Amino acid sequence: MTQVAFYHLQKWPLETALPKLLEKTLEAGKRAVIMASTPERVEALNALLWTYRQDSWLPHGSAKDGEAEDQPVWLTERDENPNQASFLFLTDGARSEHLGEFERCFELFDGNDEEAKQAARQRWKDYEAAGHDLAYWRQTDVGGWEQGGDEQKANE
């Protein structure tokens, strides 16, 4: 089964957390698909990955750029894996019917949005019922992550 890690964003927005996680993904030699809620959100994240830090750059693309097979990071609003990624990043409440095709799934949700938290709780239950290996991570005050161990942590 796929390892699904919930990332509870409380201190940084997605626009700060996502590039950090993608850097680690590429350092590990993995490819990623990022699913967002709309084509406009995909393009906003696409622009972000070009400019999030002056001294860094993440190779990536979207349907607008083309050549998915050449992109280590692919941004989309569709449930697809055109770059043969092993890591899936779900943002904005996006859901995939192909979760089992990935080695890892990163569920990033806004912990300051009650609706997003409730939706994440439901996805946790759905993934648990499907037999996926679940983990919960929350942001620390020093800019890192600490792992919780159970559904109780995900429901904070």
C-alpha atoms as a PDB file:
ATOM      1  CA  MET A   1       0.000   0.000   0.000  1.00  0.00           C
ATOM      2  CA  THR A   2       0.973   3.606  -0.468  1.00  0.00           C
ATOM      3  CA  GLN A   3       2.495   5.534   2.406  1.00  0.00           C
ATOM      4  CA  VAL A   4       0.265   8.590   2.952  1.00  0.00           C
ATOM      5  CA  ALA A   5       1.696  11.439   5.019  1.00  0.00           C
ATOM      6  CA  PHE A   6      -0.577  14.251   6.152  1.00  0.00           C
ATOM      7  CA  TYR A   7       1.209  17.610   6.464  1.00  0.00           C
ATOM      8  CA  HIS A   8      -0.721  19.923   8.771  1.00  0.00           C
ATOM      9  CA  LEU A   9       0.199  23.451   7.656  1.00  0.00           C
ATOM     10  CA  GLN A  10      -0.196  25.781  10.630  1.00  0.00           C
ATOM     11  CA  LYS A  11       2.809  28.076  10.576  1.00  0.00           C
ATOM     12  CA  TRP A  12       3.671  28.313   6.870  1.00  0.00           C
ATOM     13  CA  PRO A  13       1.353  28.411   3.888  1.00  0.00           C
ATOM     14  CA  LEU A  14       1.498  25.803   1.144  1.00  0.00           C
ATOM     15  CA  GLU A  15       3.602  28.204  -0.923  1.00  0.00           C
ATOM     16  CA  THR A  16       6.403  27.923   1.665  1.00  0.00           C
ATOM     17  CA  ALA A  17       6.081  24.243   2.624  1.00  0.00           C
ATOM     18  CA  LEU A  18       5.679  22.736  -0.856  1.00  0.00           C
ATOM     19  CA  PRO A  19       9.022  23.909  -2.324  1.00  0.00           C
ATOM     20  CA  LYS A  20      10.874  22.612   0.763  1.00  0.00           C
ATOM     21  CA  LEU A  21       9.263  19.176   0.401  1.00  0.00           C
ATOM     22  CA  LEU A  22       9.936  19.129  -3.337  1.00  0.00           C
ATOM     23  CA  GLU A  23      13.620  19.939  -2.762  1.00  0.00           C
ATOM     24  CA  LYS A  24      13.859  16.867  -0.517  1.00  0.00           C
ATOM     25  CA  THR A  25      11.981  14.797  -3.100  1.00  0.00           C
ATOM     26  CA  LEU A  26      14.453  15.686  -5.845  1.00  0.00           C
ATOM     27  CA  GLU A  27      17.431  15.181  -3.496  1.00  0.00           C
ATOM     28  CA  ALA A  28      16.129  11.634  -2.952  1.00  0.00           C
ATOM     29  CA  GLY A  29      16.124  11.087  -6.723  1.00  0.00           C
ATOM     30  CA  LYS A  30      12.336  10.866  -6.930  1.00  0.00           C
ATOM     31  CA  ARG A  31       9.815  12.389  -9.354  1.00  0.00           C
ATOM     32  CA  ALA A  32       6.630  14.107  -8.205  1.00  0.00           C
ATOM     33  CA  VAL A  33       3.151  14.947  -9.398  1.00  0.00           C
ATOM     34  CA  ILE A  34       1.405  17.854  -7.696  1.00  0.00           C
ATOM     35  CA  MET A  35      -2.378  17.887  -7.974  1.00  0.00           C
ATOM     36  CA  ALA A  36      -4.118  21.201  -7.349  1.00  0.00           C
ATOM     37  CA  SER A  37      -7.775  22.181  -7.469  1.00  0.00           C
ATOM     38  CA  THR A  38      -7.949  24.267 -10.666  1.00  0.00           C
ATOM     39  CA  PRO A  39      -5.887  25.116 -13.764  1.00  0.00           C
ATOM     40  CA  GLU A  40      -5.416  28.619 -12.324  1.00  0.00           C
ATOM     41  CA  ARG A  41      -4.007  27.190  -9.092  1.00  0.00           C
ATOM     42  CA  VAL A  42      -1.672  24.944 -11.108  1.00  0.00           C
ATOM     43  CA  GLU A  43      -0.305  27.966 -12.949  1.00  0.00           C
ATOM     44  CA  ALA A  44       0.088  29.931  -9.699  1.00  0.00           C
ATOM     45  CA  LEU A  45       2.124  27.065  -8.211  1.00  0.00           C
ATOM     46  CA  ASN A  46       4.045  26.755 -11.474  1.00  0.00           C
ATOM     47  CA  ALA A  47       5.045  30.427 -11.227  1.00  0.00           C
ATOM     48  CA  LEU A  48       5.890  30.020  -7.534  1.00  0.00           C
ATOM     49  CA  LEU A  49       8.380  27.223  -8.213  1.00  0.00           C
ATOM     50  CA  TRP A  50      10.335  29.551 -10.526  1.00  0.00           C
ATOM     51  CA  THR A  51      10.525  32.358  -7.987  1.00  0.00           C
ATOM     52  CA  TYR A  52      10.178  30.992  -4.433  1.00  0.00           C
ATOM     53  CA  ARG A  53      13.864  31.619  -3.680  1.00  0.00           C
ATOM     54  CA  GLN A  54      16.438  33.665  -5.551  1.00  0.00           C
ATOM     55  CA  ASP A  55      19.209  31.111  -5.072  1.00  0.00           C
ATOM     56  CA  SER A  56      17.201  28.032  -5.985  1.00  0.00           C
ATOM     57  CA  TRP A  57      15.285  26.507  -8.849  1.00  0.00           C
ATOM     58  CA  LEU A  58      13.130  23.399  -9.055  1.00  0.00           C
ATOM     59  CA  PRO A  59      12.819  21.748 -12.472  1.00  0.00           C
ATOM     60  CA  HIS A  60       9.117  21.413 -13.187  1.00  0.00           C
ATOM     61  CA  GLY A  61       6.356  21.883 -15.701  1.00  0.00           C
ATOM     62  CA  SER A  62       2.630  21.703 -16.395  1.00  0.00           C
ATOM     63  CA  ALA A  63       0.384  21.049 -19.390  1.00  0.00           C
ATOM     64  CA  LYS A  64       1.079  24.618 -20.491  1.00  0.00           C
ATOM     65  CA  ASP A  65       4.806  23.742 -20.721  1.00  0.00           C
ATOM     66  CA  GLY A  66       4.365  20.272 -22.221  1.00  0.00           C
ATOM     67  CA  GLU A  67       6.831  17.381 -22.352  1.00  0.00           C
ATOM     68  CA  ALA A  68       5.656  15.791 -19.106  1.00  0.00           C
ATOM     69  CA  GLU A  69       8.000  12.832 -19.472  1.00  0.00           C
ATOM     70  CA  ASP A  70      10.979  15.211 -19.172  1.00  0.00           C
ATOM     71  CA  GLN A  71       9.712  16.967 -16.037  1.00  0.00           C
ATOM     72  CA  PRO A  72      10.852  15.696 -12.615  1.00  0.00           C
ATOM     73  CA  VAL A  73       7.961  17.664 -11.056  1.00  0.00           C
ATOM     74  CA  TRP A  74       4.615  17.850 -12.868  1.00  0.00           C
ATOM     75  CA  LEU A  75       1.788  20.176 -11.820  1.00  0.00           C
ATOM     76  CA  THR A  76      -1.779  19.334 -12.781  1.00  0.00           C
ATOM     77  CA  GLU A  77      -5.412  19.607 -11.787  1.00  0.00           C
ATOM     78  CA  ARG A  78      -6.061  16.176 -13.337  1.00  0.00           C
ATOM     79  CA  ASP A  79      -5.680  12.751 -11.767  1.00  0.00           C
ATOM     80  CA  GLU A  80      -2.708  11.705 -13.894  1.00  0.00           C
ATOM     81  CA  ASN A  81       0.937  10.638 -13.727  1.00  0.00           C
ATOM     82  CA  PRO A  82       2.435  11.570 -17.095  1.00  0.00           C
ATOM     83  CA  ASN A  83       6.020  11.892 -15.775  1.00  0.00           C
ATOM     84  CA  GLN A  84       6.008   8.446 -14.099  1.00  0.00           C
ATOM     85  CA  ALA A  85       6.385   9.969 -10.625  1.00  0.00           C
ATOM     86  CA  SER A  86       6.622   7.869  -7.494  1.00  0.00           C
ATOM     87  CA  PHE A  87       5.535  10.712  -5.165  1.00  0.00           C
ATOM     88  CA  LEU A  88       2.116  12.393  -5.280  1.00  0.00           C
ATOM     89  CA  PHE A  89       1.427  15.747  -3.628  1.00  0.00           C
ATOM     90  CA  LEU A  90      -2.248  16.546  -3.061  1.00  0.00           C
ATOM     91  CA  THR A  91      -3.082  20.195  -2.401  1.00  0.00           C
ATOM     92  CA  ASP A  92      -6.283  22.198  -2.050  1.00  0.00           C
ATOM     93  CA  GLY A  93      -8.247  19.070  -1.126  1.00  0.00           C
ATOM     94  CA  ALA A  94      -7.464  17.315  -4.420  1.00  0.00           C
ATOM     95  CA  ARG A  95      -8.157  13.570  -4.450  1.00  0.00           C
ATOM     96  CA  SER A  96      -6.671  10.805  -6.560  1.00  0.00           C
ATOM     97  CA  GLU A  97      -8.299   7.556  -7.643  1.00  0.00           C
ATOM     98  CA  HIS A  98      -4.797   6.246  -8.438  1.00  0.00           C
ATOM     99  CA  LEU A  99      -3.187   6.579  -5.011  1.00  0.00           C
ATOM    100  CA  GLY A 100      -2.029   2.955  -5.043  1.00  0.00           C
ATOM    101  CA  GLU A 101       0.165   3.640  -8.075  1.00  0.00           C
ATOM    102  CA  PHE A 102       2.462   5.884  -6.022  1.00  0.00           C
ATOM    103  CA  GLU A 103       5.120   4.992  -3.480  1.00  0.00           C
ATOM    104  CA  ARG A 104       4.236   7.976  -1.294  1.00  0.00           C
ATOM    105  CA  CYS A 105       1.453  10.527  -1.103  1.00  0.00           C
ATOM    106  CA  PHE A 106       1.790  13.883   0.631  1.00  0.00           C
ATOM    107  CA  GLU A 107      -1.538  15.342   1.776  1.00  0.00           C
ATOM    108  CA  LEU A 108      -0.934  19.038   2.478  1.00  0.00           C
ATOM    109  CA  PHE A 109      -3.758  20.864   4.205  1.00  0.00           C
ATOM    110  CA  ASP A 110      -4.293  24.273   5.807  1.00  0.00           C
ATOM    111  CA  GLY A 111      -4.575  23.712   9.538  1.00  0.00           C
ATOM    112  CA  ASN A 112      -5.981  27.221   9.993  1.00  0.00           C
ATOM    113  CA  ASP A 113      -9.014  26.440   7.819  1.00  0.00           C
ATOM    114  CA  GLU A 114     -11.664  24.426   9.680  1.00  0.00           C
ATOM    115  CA  GLU A 115     -13.219  23.112   6.458  1.00  0.00           C
ATOM    116  CA  ALA A 116      -9.811  21.912   5.205  1.00  0.00           C
ATOM    117  CA  LYS A 117      -9.164  20.192   8.546  1.00  0.00           C
ATOM    118  CA  GLN A 118     -12.525  18.411   8.452  1.00  0.00           C
ATOM    119  CA  ALA A 119     -11.886  17.249   4.884  1.00  0.00           C
ATOM    120  CA  ALA A 120      -8.416  15.982   5.889  1.00  0.00           C
ATOM    121  CA  ARG A 121      -9.955  14.018   8.762  1.00  0.00           C
ATOM    122  CA  GLN A 122     -12.334  12.333   6.329  1.00  0.00           C
ATOM    123  CA  ARG A 123      -9.522  11.524   3.885  1.00  0.00           C
ATOM    124  CA  TRP A 124      -7.526  10.025   6.807  1.00  0.00           C
ATOM    125  CA  LYS A 125     -10.459   7.712   7.595  1.00  0.00           C
ATOM    126  CA  ASP A 126     -10.892   6.791   3.928  1.00  0.00           C
ATOM    127  CA  TYR A 127      -7.182   5.987   3.509  1.00  0.00           C
ATOM    128  CA  GLU A 128      -7.125   4.032   6.747  1.00  0.00           C
ATOM    129  CA  ALA A 129     -10.121   1.951   5.607  1.00  0.00           C
ATOM    130  CA  ALA A 130      -8.329   1.286   2.307  1.00  0.00           C
ATOM    131  CA  GLY A 131      -5.312  -0.058   4.214  1.00  0.00           C
ATOM    132  CA  HIS A 132      -2.771   2.646   3.406  1.00  0.00           C
ATOM    133  CA  ASP A 133       0.168   3.281   5.735  1.00  0.00           C
ATOM    134  CA  LEU A 134      -0.605   6.651   7.392  1.00  0.00           C
ATOM    135  CA  ALA A 135       1.607   9.261   9.029  1.00  0.00           C
ATOM    136  CA  TYR A 136       0.908  12.695  10.439  1.00  0.00           C
ATOM    137  CA  TRP A 137       3.358  15.609  10.437  1.00  0.00           C
ATOM    138  CA  ARG A 138       2.898  19.050  11.960  1.00  0.00           C
ATOM    139  CA  GLN A 139       5.094  22.107  11.700  1.00  0.00           C
ATOM    140  CA  THR A 140       7.370  23.060  14.572  1.00  0.00           C
ATOM    141  CA  ASP A 141       8.180  26.535  15.811  1.00  0.00           C
ATOM    142  CA  VAL A 142      11.735  26.256  14.444  1.00  0.00           C
ATOM    143  CA  GLY A 143      10.773  25.652  10.821  1.00  0.00           C
ATOM    144  CA  GLY A 144      10.773  21.878  10.714  1.00  0.00           C
ATOM    145  CA  TRP A 145       8.343  19.006  11.103  1.00  0.00           C
ATOM    146  CA  GLU A 146       7.520  16.663  13.957  1.00  0.00           C
ATOM    147  CA  GLN A 147       5.718  13.398  13.489  1.00  0.00           C
ATOM    148  CA  GLY A 148       2.616  12.357  15.369  1.00  0.00           C
ATOM    149  CA  GLY A 149       1.670   8.746  15.586  1.00  0.00           C
ATOM    150  CA  ASP A 150      -2.038   8.251  15.183  1.00  0.00           C
ATOM    151  CA  GLU A 151      -5.391   9.547  14.009  1.00  0.00           C
ATOM    152  CA  GLN A 152      -5.727  11.574  17.200  1.00  0.00           C
ATOM    153  CA  LYS A 153      -2.797  13.693  16.047  1.00  0.00           C
ATOM    154  CA  ALA A 154      -4.396  14.181  12.633  1.00  0.00           C
ATOM    155  CA  ASN A 155      -7.558  15.372  14.312  1.00  0.00           C
ATOM    156  CA  GLU A 156      -5.883  18.171  16.259  1.00  0.00           C
END
